[in-house]
Protein backbone atom coordinates (compact mmCIF):
# COMPACT_ATOMS: atom_id res chain seq x y z
CA MET A 1 -6.31 27.52 -21.64
CA LYS A 2 -9.48 28.20 -19.64
CA ASN A 3 -9.10 24.82 -17.94
CA TRP A 4 -5.67 25.79 -16.60
CA LEU A 5 -7.22 28.97 -15.20
CA PHE A 6 -9.88 26.84 -13.50
CA LEU A 7 -7.12 24.65 -12.06
CA ALA A 8 -5.31 27.74 -10.76
CA ILE A 9 -8.52 28.95 -9.08
CA ALA A 10 -8.94 25.51 -7.53
CA ILE A 11 -5.36 25.52 -6.22
CA VAL A 12 -5.60 29.02 -4.73
CA SER A 13 -8.96 28.20 -3.11
CA GLU A 14 -7.56 24.99 -1.66
CA THR A 15 -4.52 26.85 -0.35
CA ILE A 16 -6.72 29.41 1.39
CA ALA A 17 -8.92 26.66 2.85
CA THR A 18 -5.98 24.59 4.06
CA SER A 19 -4.30 27.63 5.61
CA ALA A 20 -7.56 28.53 7.36
CA LEU A 21 -7.72 25.04 8.92
CA LYS A 22 -5.09 25.99 11.47
CA ALA A 23 -6.83 29.28 12.24
CA SER A 24 -10.15 27.45 12.71
CA ALA A 25 -8.72 25.74 15.82
CA GLY A 26 -10.50 22.47 15.14
CA PHE A 27 -13.56 24.24 13.72
CA SER A 28 -14.10 26.06 17.00
CA ARG A 29 -13.75 29.55 15.43
CA LEU A 30 -16.57 30.58 13.10
CA TRP A 31 -15.01 32.69 10.35
CA PRO A 32 -11.92 30.58 9.73
CA SER A 33 -14.22 27.53 9.67
CA VAL A 34 -16.44 29.23 7.10
CA ALA A 35 -13.34 30.00 5.02
CA VAL A 36 -12.38 26.31 5.12
CA VAL A 37 -15.79 25.06 3.97
CA VAL A 38 -16.24 27.73 1.28
CA GLY A 39 -12.64 27.44 0.10
CA TYR A 40 -12.82 23.67 -0.32
CA GLY A 41 -16.22 23.97 -2.01
CA ILE A 42 -14.82 26.40 -4.58
CA ALA A 43 -11.67 24.31 -4.97
CA PHE A 44 -13.47 21.06 -5.72
CA TYR A 45 -15.97 22.74 -8.03
CA PHE A 46 -13.22 24.28 -10.16
CA LEU A 47 -11.16 21.08 -10.02
CA SER A 48 -14.16 19.19 -11.38
CA LEU A 49 -14.35 21.64 -14.29
CA THR A 50 -10.70 21.07 -15.17
CA LEU A 51 -11.21 17.31 -15.31
CA ARG A 52 -13.37 17.74 -18.41
CA THR A 53 -10.23 18.13 -20.50
CA ILE A 54 -7.14 17.69 -18.31
CA PRO A 55 -6.40 14.06 -17.36
CA VAL A 56 -7.07 13.41 -13.67
CA GLY A 57 -3.49 12.30 -12.95
CA VAL A 58 -2.03 15.43 -14.50
CA ALA A 59 -4.53 17.75 -12.81
CA TYR A 60 -3.94 16.11 -9.43
CA ALA A 61 -0.16 16.22 -9.80
CA VAL A 62 -0.25 19.93 -10.58
CA TRP A 63 -2.86 20.54 -7.85
CA SER A 64 -0.82 18.77 -5.19
CA GLY A 65 2.59 20.04 -6.27
CA VAL A 66 1.64 23.70 -6.49
CA GLY A 67 -0.59 23.34 -3.42
CA ILE A 68 2.29 21.98 -1.34
CA VAL A 69 4.46 24.94 -2.27
CA LEU A 70 1.73 27.52 -1.60
CA VAL A 71 0.62 25.98 1.70
CA SER A 72 4.25 25.77 2.83
CA LEU A 73 4.72 29.44 1.99
CA ALA A 74 1.48 30.36 3.77
CA GLY A 75 2.61 28.43 6.84
CA TRP A 76 5.93 30.22 6.77
CA PHE A 77 4.48 33.73 6.41
CA MET A 78 1.25 33.38 8.41
CA TYR A 79 2.34 31.07 11.21
CA GLY A 80 6.13 31.41 11.28
CA GLN A 81 6.63 27.74 10.36
CA LYS A 82 10.16 27.62 8.98
CA LEU A 83 11.31 24.89 6.62
CA ASP A 84 14.69 23.21 6.94
CA ALA A 85 16.95 22.21 4.05
CA PRO A 86 15.56 18.66 3.62
CA ALA A 87 11.99 20.03 3.52
CA LEU A 88 12.96 22.61 0.90
CA LEU A 89 14.77 19.94 -1.13
CA GLY A 90 11.70 17.69 -1.01
CA ILE A 91 9.45 20.52 -2.15
CA ALA A 92 11.88 21.35 -4.97
CA LEU A 93 11.79 17.71 -6.11
CA ILE A 94 7.99 17.78 -6.15
CA VAL A 95 8.00 20.96 -8.23
CA ALA A 96 10.62 19.46 -10.57
CA GLY A 97 8.41 16.41 -11.05
CA VAL A 98 5.40 18.53 -11.96
CA VAL A 99 7.49 20.58 -14.40
CA VAL A 100 8.98 17.47 -16.05
CA MET A 101 5.55 15.90 -16.38
CA ASN A 102 4.05 19.01 -17.97
CA LEU A 103 6.95 19.66 -20.34
CA PHE A 104 7.74 16.14 -21.50
CA SER A 105 4.78 13.84 -20.90
CA LYS A 106 2.37 13.07 -23.68
CA SER A 107 -0.26 12.53 -20.96
CA ALA A 108 -0.36 16.22 -20.06
CA ALA A 109 -2.98 18.26 -21.90
CA HIS A 110 -1.10 21.08 -23.63
């Protein structure tokens, strides 16, 4: 269970770092740039810890699926970037794929 917590920390850190990329204005603003570097550092460290027990394909699928949803929400709330129906449908399909993989695949570490 600890490995899933590590994956969650990695995902949240990556979401913060990715959201700060826009605010960094091409790394021309100090504090958002620091948030990007630190956030990705934390994210990859905790992702590496999860890979001790969770298969890389499963970890990456969860990482990317949840990350897409969280970054999309951050873009919506922080930067006013609205999503249209096809974008929301695509995100829903990604989430559905992650859920199906985790519930039914024998590859997923339960």
